[in-house]
Structures are given as structure tokens and as C-alpha cells.
């Protein structure tokens, strides 16, 4: 990347590093570290998804989950349907 001879030979330069994206990644990494680290946020995601899936499972058919096997459910991207008198909305 810092070999200017190859830059001159090809008459091309590398793109500028996405400085803002690199900066924001560092800010977010600092936030995660200051607030308990990855283990804390993993536990938080598990608690949140459990609350959501318990609500879906106890809704007596108002909500229905698309994933049958509970071990295959995502903690990040919960997929479900709202059932209104047998008609999916």
C-alpha cells in the first residue's frame, strides 16, 4: 500500500481508508468493553430473546413462530407471524 513505485507504475492510487467507520468501530468497541464486555452483551441478547419467545409461545396462537425447534431460534433476528382469526397478517 505504501509502495509509491507501484502507484506510479500503475497510474493509480489506493482508496482512502474509511476513517469514520474505523473511528466508530473503536468507539463501539470501547462502549462494549466499558459495559461488561462481550459476555455481558451475549447474556443480554439471551435474556431479551427468551422474553420475546416466551411471549410468542404463551400467546395462545395470536403469535406463531416460524422455527419449530426451539434450539434453532435466533437470539438476534426473531421471526414470527401475527395470526388474526386464522388469517396471517
PDB file of N, CA and C in Angstrom:
ATOM      1  N   UNK A   1       0.822  -1.192   0.000  1.00  0.00           N
ATOM      2  CA  UNK A   1       0.000   0.000   0.000  1.00  0.00           C
ATOM      3  C   UNK A   1       0.869   1.261   0.000  1.00  0.00           C
ATOM      4  N   UNK A   2       1.983   1.219   0.703  1.00  0.00           N
ATOM      5  CA  UNK A   2       2.828   2.404   0.781  1.00  0.00           C
ATOM      6  C   UNK A   2       4.001   2.345  -0.196  1.00  0.00           C
ATOM      7  N   UNK A   3       3.920   1.484  -1.182  1.00  0.00           N
ATOM      8  CA  UNK A   3       4.942   1.382  -2.196  1.00  0.00           C
ATOM      9  C   UNK A   3       4.574   2.352  -3.319  1.00  0.00           C
ATOM     10  N   UNK A   4       5.155   3.545  -3.284  1.00  0.00           N
ATOM     11  CA  UNK A   4       4.791   4.583  -4.256  1.00  0.00           C
ATOM     12  C   UNK A   4       5.216   4.219  -5.672  1.00  0.00           C
ATOM     13  N   UNK A   5       6.224   3.357  -5.814  1.00  0.00           N
ATOM     14  CA  UNK A   5       6.646   2.955  -7.151  1.00  0.00           C
ATOM     15  C   UNK A   5       5.515   2.213  -7.855  1.00  0.00           C
ATOM     16  N   UNK A   6       4.838   1.305  -7.152  1.00  0.00           N
ATOM     17  CA  UNK A   6       3.727   0.596  -7.788  1.00  0.00           C
ATOM     18  C   UNK A   6       2.584   1.552  -8.106  1.00  0.00           C
ATOM     19  N   UNK A   7       2.424   2.569  -7.302  1.00  0.00           N
ATOM     20  CA  UNK A   7       1.394   3.574  -7.572  1.00  0.00           C
ATOM     21  C   UNK A   7       1.721   4.351  -8.845  1.00  0.00           C
ATOM     22  N   UNK A   8       2.975   4.702  -9.004  1.00  0.00           N
ATOM     23  CA  UNK A   8       3.394   5.445 -10.199  1.00  0.00           C
ATOM     24  C   UNK A   8       3.324   4.553 -11.434  1.00  0.00           C
ATOM     25  N   UNK A   9       3.756   3.291 -11.302  1.00  0.00           N
ATOM     26  CA  UNK A   9       3.756   2.372 -12.446  1.00  0.00           C
ATOM     27  C   UNK A   9       2.344   2.095 -12.952  1.00  0.00           C
ATOM     28  N   UNK A  10       1.394   1.974 -12.065  1.00  0.00           N
ATOM     29  CA  UNK A  10       0.018   1.638 -12.477  1.00  0.00           C
ATOM     30  C   UNK A  10      -0.833   2.872 -12.711  1.00  0.00           C
ATOM     31  N   UNK A  11      -0.281   4.046 -12.396  1.00  0.00           N
ATOM     32  CA  UNK A  11      -1.009   5.313 -12.529  1.00  0.00           C
ATOM     33  C   UNK A  11      -2.353   5.257 -11.798  1.00  0.00           C
ATOM     34  N   UNK A  12      -2.298   4.690 -10.619  1.00  0.00           N
ATOM     35  CA  UNK A  12      -3.492   4.531  -9.805  1.00  0.00           C
ATOM     36  C   UNK A  12      -3.096   4.643  -8.340  1.00  0.00           C
ATOM     37  N   UNK A  13      -4.031   5.059  -7.505  1.00  0.00           N
ATOM     38  CA  UNK A  13      -3.771   5.114  -6.072  1.00  0.00           C
ATOM     39  C   UNK A  13      -4.848   4.324  -5.340  1.00  0.00           C
ATOM     40  N   UNK A  14      -4.495   3.896  -4.149  1.00  0.00           N
ATOM     41  CA  UNK A  14      -5.454   3.171  -3.330  1.00  0.00           C
ATOM     42  C   UNK A  14      -6.519   4.129  -2.808  1.00  0.00           C
ATOM     43  N   UNK A  15      -7.683   3.582  -2.517  1.00  0.00           N
ATOM     44  CA  UNK A  15      -8.736   4.397  -1.928  1.00  0.00           C
ATOM     45  C   UNK A  15      -8.366   4.790  -0.506  1.00  0.00           C
ATOM     46  N   UNK A  16      -8.916   5.899  -0.059  1.00  0.00           N
ATOM     47  CA  UNK A  16      -8.689   6.355   1.297  1.00  0.00           C
ATOM     48  C   UNK A  16      -9.378   5.405   2.273  1.00  0.00           C
ATOM     49  N   UNK A  17      -8.712   5.114   3.361  1.00  0.00           N
ATOM     50  CA  UNK A  17      -9.303   4.286   4.400  1.00  0.00           C
ATOM     51  C   UNK A  17     -10.572   4.949   4.917  1.00  0.00           C
ATOM     52  N   UNK A  18     -11.648   4.185   5.143  1.00  0.00           N
ATOM     53  CA  UNK A  18     -12.892   4.777   5.650  1.00  0.00           C
ATOM     54  C   UNK A  18     -12.713   5.192   7.112  1.00  0.00           C
ATOM     55  N   UNK A  19     -12.164   6.370   7.305  1.00  0.00           N
ATOM     56  CA  UNK A  19     -11.744   6.832   8.625  1.00  0.00           C
ATOM     57  C   UNK A  19     -12.915   6.877   9.608  1.00  0.00           C
ATOM     58  N   UNK A  20     -14.055   7.377   9.185  1.00  0.00           N
ATOM     59  CA  UNK A  20     -15.185   7.481  10.106  1.00  0.00           C
ATOM     60  C   UNK A  20     -15.645   6.097  10.557  1.00  0.00           C
ATOM     61  N   UNK A  21     -15.699   5.135   9.646  1.00  0.00           N
ATOM     62  CA  UNK A  21     -16.109   3.778  10.009  1.00  0.00           C
ATOM     63  C   UNK A  21     -15.115   3.155  10.982  1.00  0.00           C
ATOM     64  N   UNK A  22     -13.833   3.384  10.770  1.00  0.00           N
ATOM     65  CA  UNK A  22     -12.807   2.857  11.676  1.00  0.00           C
ATOM     66  C   UNK A  22     -12.944   3.522  13.040  1.00  0.00           C
ATOM     67  N   UNK A  23     -13.163   4.819  13.064  1.00  0.00           N
ATOM     68  CA  UNK A  23     -13.339   5.552  14.320  1.00  0.00           C
ATOM     69  C   UNK A  23     -14.561   5.039  15.089  1.00  0.00           C
ATOM     70  N   UNK A  24     -15.699   4.881  14.399  1.00  0.00           N
ATOM     71  CA  UNK A  24     -16.930   4.435  15.058  1.00  0.00           C
ATOM     72  C   UNK A  24     -16.791   3.002  15.572  1.00  0.00           C
ATOM     73  N   UNK A  25     -16.062   2.170  14.869  1.00  0.00           N
ATOM     74  CA  UNK A  25     -15.817   0.816  15.356  1.00  0.00           C
ATOM     75  C   UNK A  25     -15.043   0.863  16.670  1.00  0.00           C
ATOM     76  N   UNK A  26     -14.073   1.746  16.758  1.00  0.00           N
ATOM     77  CA  UNK A  26     -13.322   1.915  18.002  1.00  0.00           C
ATOM     78  C   UNK A  26     -14.187   2.444  19.132  1.00  0.00           C
ATOM     79  N   UNK A  27     -15.058   3.403  18.826  1.00  0.00           N
ATOM     80  CA  UNK A  27     -15.970   3.944  19.840  1.00  0.00           C
ATOM     81  C   UNK A  27     -16.891   2.851  20.356  1.00  0.00           C
ATOM     82  N   UNK A  28     -17.427   2.045  19.441  1.00  0.00           N
ATOM     83  CA  UNK A  28     -18.333   0.965  19.839  1.00  0.00           C
ATOM     84  C   UNK A  28     -17.597  -0.115  20.633  1.00  0.00           C
ATOM     85  N   UNK A  29     -16.374  -0.432  20.243  1.00  0.00           N
ATOM     86  CA  UNK A  29     -15.583  -1.417  20.990  1.00  0.00           C
ATOM     87  C   UNK A  29     -15.309  -0.912  22.406  1.00  0.00           C
ATOM     88  N   UNK A  30     -15.015   0.366  22.553  1.00  0.00           N
ATOM     89  CA  UNK A  30     -14.826   0.948  23.887  1.00  0.00           C
ATOM     90  C   UNK A  30     -16.106   0.860  24.713  1.00  0.00           C
ATOM     91  N   UNK A  31     -17.239   1.144  24.083  1.00  0.00           N
ATOM     92  CA  UNK A  31     -18.537   1.060  24.767  1.00  0.00           C
ATOM     93  C   UNK A  31     -18.783  -0.362  25.272  1.00  0.00           C
ATOM     94  N   UNK A  32     -18.521  -1.344  24.433  1.00  0.00           N
ATOM     95  CA  UNK A  32     -18.728  -2.740  24.828  1.00  0.00           C
ATOM     96  C   UNK A  32     -17.813  -3.099  25.997  1.00  0.00           C
ATOM     97  N   UNK A  33     -16.563  -2.717  25.920  1.00  0.00           N
ATOM     98  CA  UNK A  33     -15.604  -3.044  26.989  1.00  0.00           C
ATOM     99  C   UNK A  33     -15.959  -2.369  28.304  1.00  0.00           C
ATOM    100  N   UNK A  34     -16.423  -1.121  28.254  1.00  0.00           N
ATOM    101  CA  UNK A  34     -16.773  -0.386  29.474  1.00  0.00           C
ATOM    102  C   UNK A  34     -18.063  -0.894  30.103  1.00  0.00           C
ATOM    103  N   UNK A  35     -18.892  -1.592  29.346  1.00  0.00           N
ATOM    104  CA  UNK A  35     -20.194  -2.035  29.848  1.00  0.00           C
ATOM    105  C   UNK A  35     -20.287  -3.540  30.025  1.00  0.00           C
ATOM    106  N   UNK A  36     -19.193  -4.189  30.326  1.00  0.00           N
ATOM    107  CA  UNK A  36     -19.245  -5.595  30.673  1.00  0.00           C
ATOM    108  C   UNK A  36     -18.666  -6.547  29.653  1.00  0.00           C
ATOM    109  N   UNK A  37     -18.295  -6.061  28.507  1.00  0.00           N
ATOM    110  CA  UNK A  37     -17.672  -6.910  27.509  1.00  0.00           C
ATOM    111  C   UNK A  37     -18.659  -7.759  26.727  1.00  0.00           C
ATOM    112  N   UNK A  38     -18.115  -8.611  25.906  1.00  0.00           N
ATOM    113  CA  UNK A  38     -18.920  -9.444  25.014  1.00  0.00           C
ATOM    114  C   UNK A  38     -19.805 -10.396  25.818  1.00  0.00           C
ATOM    115  N   UNK A  39     -19.290 -10.926  26.930  1.00  0.00           N
ATOM    116  CA  UNK A  39     -20.067 -11.875  27.742  1.00  0.00           C
ATOM    117  C   UNK A  39     -21.357 -11.225  28.257  1.00  0.00           C
ATOM    118  N   UNK A  40     -21.275  -9.973  28.686  1.00  0.00           N
ATOM    119  CA  UNK A  40     -22.466  -9.275  29.166  1.00  0.00           C
ATOM    120  C   UNK A  40     -23.499  -9.124  28.055  1.00  0.00           C
ATOM    121  N   UNK A  41     -23.060  -8.703  26.882  1.00  0.00           N
ATOM    122  CA  UNK A  41     -23.999  -8.478  25.788  1.00  0.00           C
ATOM    123  C   UNK A  41     -24.557  -9.782  25.237  1.00  0.00           C
ATOM    124  N   UNK A  42     -23.791 -10.860  25.343  1.00  0.00           N
ATOM    125  CA  UNK A  42     -24.312 -12.170  24.962  1.00  0.00           C
ATOM    126  C   UNK A  42     -25.434 -12.583  25.911  1.00  0.00           C
ATOM    127  N   UNK A  43     -25.214 -12.384  27.205  1.00  0.00           N
ATOM    128  CA  UNK A  43     -26.236 -12.697  28.199  1.00  0.00           C
ATOM    129  C   UNK A  43     -27.474 -11.813  28.007  1.00  0.00           C
ATOM    130  N   UNK A  44     -27.265 -10.545  27.708  1.00  0.00           N
ATOM    131  CA  UNK A  44     -28.372  -9.622  27.459  1.00  0.00           C
ATOM    132  C   UNK A  44     -29.196 -10.065  26.262  1.00  0.00           C
ATOM    133  N   UNK A  45     -28.552 -10.475  25.190  1.00  0.00           N
ATOM    134  CA  UNK A  45     -29.261 -10.947  24.000  1.00  0.00           C
ATOM    135  C   UNK A  45     -30.056 -12.206  24.325  1.00  0.00           C
ATOM    136  N   UNK A  46     -29.490 -13.081  25.139  1.00  0.00           N
ATOM    137  CA  UNK A  46     -30.195 -14.312  25.516  1.00  0.00           C
ATOM    138  C   UNK A  46     -31.429 -13.997  26.353  1.00  0.00           C
ATOM    139  N   UNK A  47     -31.301 -13.080  27.306  1.00  0.00           N
ATOM    140  CA  UNK A  47     -32.449 -12.713  28.146  1.00  0.00           C
ATOM    141  C   UNK A  47     -33.548 -12.038  27.328  1.00  0.00           C
ATOM    142  N   UNK A  48     -33.162 -11.161  26.426  1.00  0.00           N
ATOM    143  CA  UNK A  48     -34.155 -10.469  25.587  1.00  0.00           C
ATOM    144  C   UNK A  48     -34.884 -11.442  24.665  1.00  0.00           C
ATOM    145  N   UNK A  49     -34.143 -12.337  24.036  1.00  0.00           N
ATOM    146  CA  UNK A  49     -34.783 -13.279  23.122  1.00  0.00           C
ATOM    147  C   UNK A  49     -35.666 -14.256  23.893  1.00  0.00           C
ATOM    148  N   UNK A  50     -35.257 -14.653  25.101  1.00  0.00           N
ATOM    149  CA  UNK A  50     -36.094 -15.538  25.917  1.00  0.00           C
ATOM    150  C   UNK A  50     -37.410 -14.849  26.250  1.00  0.00           C
ATOM    151  N   UNK A  51     -37.355 -13.590  26.623  1.00  0.00           N
ATOM    152  CA  UNK A  51     -38.575 -12.837  26.921  1.00  0.00           C
ATOM    153  C   UNK A  51     -39.495 -12.775  25.703  1.00  0.00           C
ATOM    154  N   UNK A  52     -38.934 -12.510  24.545  1.00  0.00           N
ATOM    155  CA  UNK A  52     -39.718 -12.431  23.314  1.00  0.00           C
ATOM    156  C   UNK A  52     -40.319 -13.785  22.953  1.00  0.00           C
ATOM    157  N   UNK A  53     -39.510 -14.840  22.962  1.00  0.00           N
ATOM    158  CA  UNK A  53     -40.004 -16.162  22.583  1.00  0.00           C
ATOM    159  C   UNK A  53     -40.992 -16.716  23.608  1.00  0.00           C
ATOM    160  N   UNK A  54     -40.819 -16.397  24.902  1.00  0.00           N
ATOM    161  CA  UNK A  54     -41.807 -16.813  25.903  1.00  0.00           C
ATOM    162  C   UNK A  54     -43.146 -16.132  25.637  1.00  0.00           C
ATOM    163  N   UNK A  55     -43.121 -14.875  25.223  1.00  0.00           N
ATOM    164  CA  UNK A  55     -44.352 -14.160  24.876  1.00  0.00           C
ATOM    165  C   UNK A  55     -45.013 -14.790  23.660  1.00  0.00           C
ATOM    166  N   UNK A  56     -44.234 -15.115  22.650  1.00  0.00           N
ATOM    167  CA  UNK A  56     -44.781 -15.758  21.444  1.00  0.00           C
ATOM    168  C   UNK A  56     -45.390 -17.108  21.794  1.00  0.00           C
ATOM    169  N   UNK A  57     -44.679 -17.906  22.588  1.00  0.00           N
ATOM    170  CA  UNK A  57     -45.135 -19.258  22.917  1.00  0.00           C
ATOM    171  C   UNK A  57     -46.371 -19.253  23.812  1.00  0.00           C
ATOM    172  N   UNK A  58     -46.540 -18.220  24.643  1.00  0.00           N
ATOM    173  CA  UNK A  58     -47.670 -18.187  25.572  1.00  0.00           C
ATOM    174  C   UNK A  58     -48.830 -17.331  25.062  1.00  0.00           C
ATOM    175  N   UNK A  59     -48.839 -16.986  23.784  1.00  0.00           N
ATOM    176  CA  UNK A  59     -49.873 -16.095  23.243  1.00  0.00           C
ATOM    177  C   UNK A  59     -51.125 -16.836  22.794  1.00  0.00           C
ATOM    178  N   UNK A  60     -51.178 -18.149  22.990  1.00  0.00           N
ATOM    179  CA  UNK A  60     -52.341 -18.965  22.620  1.00  0.00           C
ATOM    180  C   UNK A  60     -52.690 -18.821  21.140  1.00  0.00           C
ATOM    181  N   UNK A  61     -51.684 -18.755  20.306  1.00  0.00           N
ATOM    182  CA  UNK A  61     -51.894 -18.724  18.864  1.00  0.00           C
ATOM    183  C   UNK A  61     -51.975 -17.348  18.246  1.00  0.00           C
ATOM    184  N   UNK A  62     -51.988 -16.283  19.059  1.00  0.00           N
ATOM    185  CA  UNK A  62     -52.026 -14.941  18.475  1.00  0.00           C
ATOM    186  C   UNK A  62     -50.749 -14.677  17.690  1.00  0.00           C
ATOM    187  N   UNK A  63     -49.619 -15.072  18.274  1.00  0.00           N
ATOM    188  CA  UNK A  63     -48.340 -15.043  17.574  1.00  0.00           C
ATOM    189  C   UNK A  63     -47.957 -16.478  17.268  1.00  0.00           C
ATOM    190  N   UNK A  64     -47.304 -16.690  16.155  1.00  0.00           N
ATOM    191  CA  UNK A  64     -46.790 -18.018  15.863  1.00  0.00           C
ATOM    192  C   UNK A  64     -45.371 -17.896  15.321  1.00  0.00           C
ATOM    193  N   UNK A  65     -44.507 -18.752  15.854  1.00  0.00           N
ATOM    194  CA  UNK A  65     -43.118 -18.752  15.414  1.00  0.00           C
ATOM    195  C   UNK A  65     -42.938 -19.603  14.181  1.00  0.00           C
ATOM    196  N   UNK A  66     -42.038 -19.206  13.329  1.00  0.00           N
ATOM    197  CA  UNK A  66     -41.763 -19.960  12.106  1.00  0.00           C
ATOM    198  C   UNK A  66     -40.802 -21.109  12.343  1.00  0.00           C
ATOM    199  N   UNK A  67     -39.994 -21.021  13.390  1.00  0.00           N
ATOM    200  CA  UNK A  67     -38.991 -22.042  13.669  1.00  0.00           C
ATOM    201  C   UNK A  67     -39.565 -22.991  14.713  1.00  0.00           C
ATOM    202  N   UNK A  68     -39.719 -24.254  14.340  1.00  0.00           N
ATOM    203  CA  UNK A  68     -40.351 -25.242  15.206  1.00  0.00           C
ATOM    204  C   UNK A  68     -39.429 -25.638  16.360  1.00  0.00           C
ATOM    205  N   UNK A  69     -38.193 -26.003  16.042  1.00  0.00           N
ATOM    206  CA  UNK A  69     -37.240 -26.461  17.047  1.00  0.00           C
ATOM    207  C   UNK A  69     -36.715 -25.261  17.835  1.00  0.00           C
ATOM    208  N   UNK A  70     -36.977 -25.236  19.135  1.00  0.00           N
ATOM    209  CA  UNK A  70     -36.585 -24.086  19.959  1.00  0.00           C
ATOM    210  C   UNK A  70     -35.070 -23.883  20.008  1.00  0.00           C
ATOM    211  N   UNK A  71     -34.305 -24.938  19.811  1.00  0.00           N
ATOM    212  CA  UNK A  71     -32.844 -24.803  19.823  1.00  0.00           C
ATOM    213  C   UNK A  71     -32.311 -24.087  18.586  1.00  0.00           C
ATOM    214  N   UNK A  72     -33.124 -23.996  17.535  1.00  0.00           N
ATOM    215  CA  UNK A  72     -32.687 -23.353  16.297  1.00  0.00           C
ATOM    216  C   UNK A  72     -33.092 -21.887  16.212  1.00  0.00           C
ATOM    217  N   UNK A  73     -33.765 -21.384  17.216  1.00  0.00           N
ATOM    218  CA  UNK A  73     -34.218 -19.988  17.184  1.00  0.00           C
ATOM    219  C   UNK A  73     -33.045 -19.024  17.322  1.00  0.00           C
ATOM    220  N   UNK A  74     -33.144 -17.913  16.623  1.00  0.00           N
ATOM    221  CA  UNK A  74     -32.097 -16.901  16.645  1.00  0.00           C
ATOM    222  C   UNK A  74     -32.282 -15.984  17.851  1.00  0.00           C
ATOM    223  N   UNK A  75     -31.177 -15.567  18.444  1.00  0.00           N
ATOM    224  CA  UNK A  75     -31.244 -14.579  19.522  1.00  0.00           C
ATOM    225  C   UNK A  75     -31.208 -13.168  18.971  1.00  0.00           C
ATOM    226  N   UNK A  76     -30.876 -13.013  17.728  1.00  0.00           N
ATOM    227  CA  UNK A  76     -30.719 -11.691  17.139  1.00  0.00           C
ATOM    228  C   UNK A  76     -31.888 -11.329  16.230  1.00  0.00           C
ATOM    229  N   UNK A  77     -32.325 -12.274  15.397  1.00  0.00           N
ATOM    230  CA  UNK A  77     -33.343 -11.990  14.392  1.00  0.00           C
ATOM    231  C   UNK A  77     -34.540 -12.914  14.613  1.00  0.00           C
ATOM    232  N   UNK A  78     -35.495 -12.454  15.428  1.00  0.00           N
ATOM    233  CA  UNK A  78     -36.669 -13.268  15.747  1.00  0.00           C
ATOM    234  C   UNK A  78     -37.692 -13.144  14.623  1.00  0.00           C
ATOM    235  N   UNK A  79     -38.119 -14.285  14.113  1.00  0.00           N
ATOM    236  CA  UNK A  79     -39.094 -14.304  13.025  1.00  0.00           C
ATOM    237  C   UNK A  79     -40.383 -14.910  13.560  1.00  0.00           C
ATOM    238  N   UNK A  80     -41.495 -14.185  13.405  1.00  0.00           N
ATOM    239  CA  UNK A  80     -42.786 -14.691  13.854  1.00  0.00           C
ATOM    240  C   UNK A  80     -43.889 -14.048  13.036  1.00  0.00           C
ATOM    241  N   UNK A  81     -45.106 -14.613  13.150  1.00  0.00           N
ATOM    242  CA  UNK A  81     -46.263 -14.087  12.446  1.00  0.00           C
ATOM    243  C   UNK A  81     -47.337 -13.728  13.444  1.00  0.00           C
ATOM    244  N   UNK A  82     -48.203 -12.787  13.070  1.00  0.00           N
ATOM    245  CA  UNK A  82     -49.365 -12.444  13.868  1.00  0.00           C
ATOM    246  C   UNK A  82     -50.555 -13.118  13.219  1.00  0.00           C
ATOM    247  N   UNK A  83     -51.260 -13.939  13.993  1.00  0.00           N
ATOM    248  CA  UNK A  83     -52.388 -14.683  13.499  1.00  0.00           C
ATOM    249  C   UNK A  83     -53.671 -14.004  13.976  1.00  0.00           C
ATOM    250  N   UNK A  84     -54.525 -13.617  13.057  1.00  0.00           N
ATOM    251  CA  UNK A  84     -55.775 -12.949  13.401  1.00  0.00           C
ATOM    252  C   UNK A  84     -56.937 -13.800  12.914  1.00  0.00           C
ATOM    253  N   UNK A  85     -57.537 -14.608  13.815  1.00  0.00           N
ATOM    254  CA  UNK A  85     -58.647 -15.481  13.488  1.00  0.00           C
ATOM    255  C   UNK A  85     -58.330 -16.424  12.332  1.00  0.00           C
ATOM    256  N   UNK A  86     -57.166 -16.999  12.362  1.00  0.00           N
ATOM    257  CA  UNK A  86     -56.802 -17.956  11.318  1.00  0.00           C
ATOM    258  C   UNK A  86     -56.215 -17.320  10.069  1.00  0.00           C
ATOM    259  N   UNK A  87     -56.212 -16.003   9.990  1.00  0.00           N
ATOM    260  CA  UNK A  87     -55.658 -15.303   8.835  1.00  0.00           C
ATOM    261  C   UNK A  87     -54.335 -14.669   9.251  1.00  0.00           C
ATOM    262  N   UNK A  88     -53.292 -15.044   8.550  1.00  0.00           N
ATOM    263  CA  UNK A  88     -51.993 -14.459   8.861  1.00  0.00           C
ATOM    264  C   UNK A  88     -51.916 -13.056   8.295  1.00  0.00           C
ATOM    265  N   UNK A  89     -51.431 -12.165   9.125  1.00  0.00           N
ATOM    266  CA  UNK A  89     -51.280 -10.765   8.711  1.00  0.00           C
ATOM    267  C   UNK A  89     -49.842 -10.525   8.322  1.00  0.00           C
TER     268      UNK A  89
END
